Amino acid sequence: MALTSTVWGISPTKVPDAAAERVDRRITGFHQDDLGDWVAELECGHQQHMRHQPPWQMRPWVLTTEGRASFIGTPVRCRLCETSSPD
C-alpha cells in the first residue's frame, strides 16, 4: 500500500498499489444484522453488507428470498482478503 500526500490538512490514507490484485470470493449465504440489513457470507469466512439503498446502491434482489438465492455462488470482491496477509 502506498500513502497519499497530505492535502488541505487531510491526513494521509492508504491507497492500493497498482500491483495489488482484486480478490473475489463466492457468496455462500446471507443473514440479517441487528438493524435488519442483509449481509453476504463469503467462502473465505468474511462478511459483506448487501444493501439496497437507491440511488446509491441498487440491489433490489437482496429484498427477496428468491433474489438472494439467485446470488448464492456469485463472486464478489473481498477487500479484507486483499488487505490481509496470507497465513
C-alpha atoms as a PDB file:
ATOM      1  CA  MET A   1       0.000   0.000   0.000  1.00  0.00           C
ATOM      2  CA  ALA A   2       1.189   3.469  -0.831  1.00  0.00           C
ATOM      3  CA  LEU A   3       0.410   6.569   1.205  1.00  0.00           C
ATOM      4  CA  THR A   4      -1.207   9.603  -0.378  1.00  0.00           C
ATOM      5  CA  SER A   5       0.214  13.032   0.394  1.00  0.00           C
ATOM      6  CA  THR A   6      -1.379  15.403   2.881  1.00  0.00           C
ATOM      7  CA  VAL A   7      -3.613  17.864   1.063  1.00  0.00           C
ATOM      8  CA  TRP A   8      -5.708  20.659   2.612  1.00  0.00           C
ATOM      9  CA  GLY A   9      -4.994  19.392   6.102  1.00  0.00           C
ATOM     10  CA  ILE A  10      -6.287  15.899   5.390  1.00  0.00           C
ATOM     11  CA  SER A  11      -4.074  13.198   6.839  1.00  0.00           C
ATOM     12  CA  PRO A  12      -2.571  10.530   4.578  1.00  0.00           C
ATOM     13  CA  THR A  13      -4.593   7.440   3.758  1.00  0.00           C
ATOM     14  CA  LYS A  14      -3.602   4.124   2.310  1.00  0.00           C
ATOM     15  CA  VAL A  15      -4.433   3.500  -1.334  1.00  0.00           C
ATOM     16  CA  PRO A  16      -3.942   0.208  -3.179  1.00  0.00           C
ATOM     17  CA  ASP A  17      -0.720  -0.222  -5.127  1.00  0.00           C
ATOM     18  CA  ALA A  18      -1.074  -0.652  -8.873  1.00  0.00           C
ATOM     19  CA  ALA A  19       0.235  -4.209  -8.480  1.00  0.00           C
ATOM     20  CA  ALA A  20      -2.482  -5.158  -5.973  1.00  0.00           C
ATOM     21  CA  GLU A  21      -4.848  -7.777  -7.340  1.00  0.00           C
ATOM     22  CA  ARG A  22      -8.606  -7.858  -6.921  1.00  0.00           C
ATOM     23  CA  VAL A  23      -9.684 -10.812  -4.781  1.00  0.00           C
ATOM     24  CA  ASP A  24     -13.135 -12.271  -5.437  1.00  0.00           C
ATOM     25  CA  ARG A  25     -14.874 -14.717  -3.109  1.00  0.00           C
ATOM     26  CA  ARG A  26     -18.163 -16.539  -3.678  1.00  0.00           C
ATOM     27  CA  ILE A  27     -21.295 -15.825  -1.654  1.00  0.00           C
ATOM     28  CA  THR A  28     -22.244 -18.885   0.425  1.00  0.00           C
ATOM     29  CA  GLY A  29     -25.249 -17.496   2.293  1.00  0.00           C
ATOM     30  CA  PHE A  30     -26.981 -14.486   3.821  1.00  0.00           C
ATOM     31  CA  HIS A  31     -28.127 -13.316   7.224  1.00  0.00           C
ATOM     32  CA  GLN A  32     -29.562 -10.102   8.635  1.00  0.00           C
ATOM     33  CA  ASP A  33     -27.623  -7.910  11.045  1.00  0.00           C
ATOM     34  CA  ASP A  34     -29.083  -6.275  14.156  1.00  0.00           C
ATOM     35  CA  LEU A  35     -30.502  -3.428  12.045  1.00  0.00           C
ATOM     36  CA  GLY A  36     -32.153  -5.745   9.525  1.00  0.00           C
ATOM     37  CA  ASP A  37     -29.622  -5.139   6.739  1.00  0.00           C
ATOM     38  CA  TRP A  38     -28.649  -8.168   4.657  1.00  0.00           C
ATOM     39  CA  VAL A  39     -25.099  -9.464   4.989  1.00  0.00           C
ATOM     40  CA  ALA A  40     -23.476 -11.825   2.490  1.00  0.00           C
ATOM     41  CA  GLU A  41     -21.421 -14.650   3.968  1.00  0.00           C
ATOM     42  CA  LEU A  42     -18.348 -15.281   1.820  1.00  0.00           C
ATOM     43  CA  GLU A  43     -16.460 -18.531   1.276  1.00  0.00           C
ATOM     44  CA  CYS A  44     -13.379 -17.026   2.952  1.00  0.00           C
ATOM     45  CA  GLY A  45     -15.315 -16.509   6.184  1.00  0.00           C
ATOM     46  CA  HIS A  46     -15.579 -12.747   5.784  1.00  0.00           C
ATOM     47  CA  GLN A  47     -18.907 -10.935   5.520  1.00  0.00           C
ATOM     48  CA  GLN A  48     -20.102  -8.046   3.382  1.00  0.00           C
ATOM     49  CA  HIS A  49     -23.245  -5.932   3.650  1.00  0.00           C
ATOM     50  CA  MET A  50     -25.511  -6.086   0.599  1.00  0.00           C
ATOM     51  CA  ARG A  51     -27.799  -3.079   0.978  1.00  0.00           C
ATOM     52  CA  HIS A  52     -30.458  -1.775  -1.367  1.00  0.00           C
ATOM     53  CA  GLN A  53     -30.325   1.998  -0.838  1.00  0.00           C
ATOM     54  CA  PRO A  54     -31.404   3.805  -4.004  1.00  0.00           C
ATOM     55  CA  PRO A  55     -29.991   5.839  -5.631  1.00  0.00           C
ATOM     56  CA  TRP A  56     -26.574   4.969  -4.117  1.00  0.00           C
ATOM     57  CA  GLN A  57     -26.762   1.182  -4.040  1.00  0.00           C
ATOM     58  CA  MET A  58     -29.137  -0.589  -6.405  1.00  0.00           C
ATOM     59  CA  ARG A  59     -29.577  -4.161  -5.201  1.00  0.00           C
ATOM     60  CA  PRO A  60     -33.320  -4.899  -5.319  1.00  0.00           C
ATOM     61  CA  TRP A  61     -32.533  -8.622  -5.485  1.00  0.00           C
ATOM     62  CA  VAL A  62     -31.467  -8.600  -1.814  1.00  0.00           C
ATOM     63  CA  LEU A  63     -35.040  -7.813  -0.715  1.00  0.00           C
ATOM     64  CA  THR A  64     -36.500 -11.204  -1.672  1.00  0.00           C
ATOM     65  CA  THR A  65     -35.688 -14.780  -0.732  1.00  0.00           C
ATOM     66  CA  GLU A  66     -35.580 -15.722  -4.422  1.00  0.00           C
ATOM     67  CA  GLY A  67     -33.281 -12.805  -5.246  1.00  0.00           C
ATOM     68  CA  ARG A  68     -30.788 -13.687  -2.528  1.00  0.00           C
ATOM     69  CA  ALA A  69     -30.902 -17.377  -3.514  1.00  0.00           C
ATOM     70  CA  SER A  70     -30.061 -16.433  -7.103  1.00  0.00           C
ATOM     71  CA  PHE A  71     -26.822 -14.789  -5.912  1.00  0.00           C
ATOM     72  CA  ILE A  72     -25.505 -17.792  -3.953  1.00  0.00           C
ATOM     73  CA  GLY A  73     -22.224 -18.741  -5.642  1.00  0.00           C
ATOM     74  CA  THR A  74     -21.732 -15.292  -7.178  1.00  0.00           C
ATOM     75  CA  PRO A  75     -18.193 -13.946  -6.764  1.00  0.00           C
ATOM     76  CA  VAL A  76     -17.880 -10.541  -5.075  1.00  0.00           C
ATOM     77  CA  ARG A  77     -14.824  -8.500  -4.197  1.00  0.00           C
ATOM     78  CA  CYS A  78     -13.449  -9.154  -0.700  1.00  0.00           C
ATOM     79  CA  ARG A  79     -11.353  -6.170   0.304  1.00  0.00           C
ATOM     80  CA  LEU A  80     -10.433  -7.844   3.600  1.00  0.00           C
ATOM     81  CA  CYS A  81      -8.771 -10.700   1.695  1.00  0.00           C
ATOM     82  CA  GLU A  82      -6.958  -8.139  -0.456  1.00  0.00           C
ATOM     83  CA  THR A  83      -5.506  -6.349   2.536  1.00  0.00           C
ATOM     84  CA  SER A  84      -4.816  -9.247   4.895  1.00  0.00           C
ATOM     85  CA  SER A  85      -1.581 -11.153   4.701  1.00  0.00           C
ATOM     86  CA  PRO A  86      -1.693 -14.873   3.956  1.00  0.00           C
ATOM     87  CA  ASP A  87      -1.419 -17.210   6.947  1.00  0.00           C
END
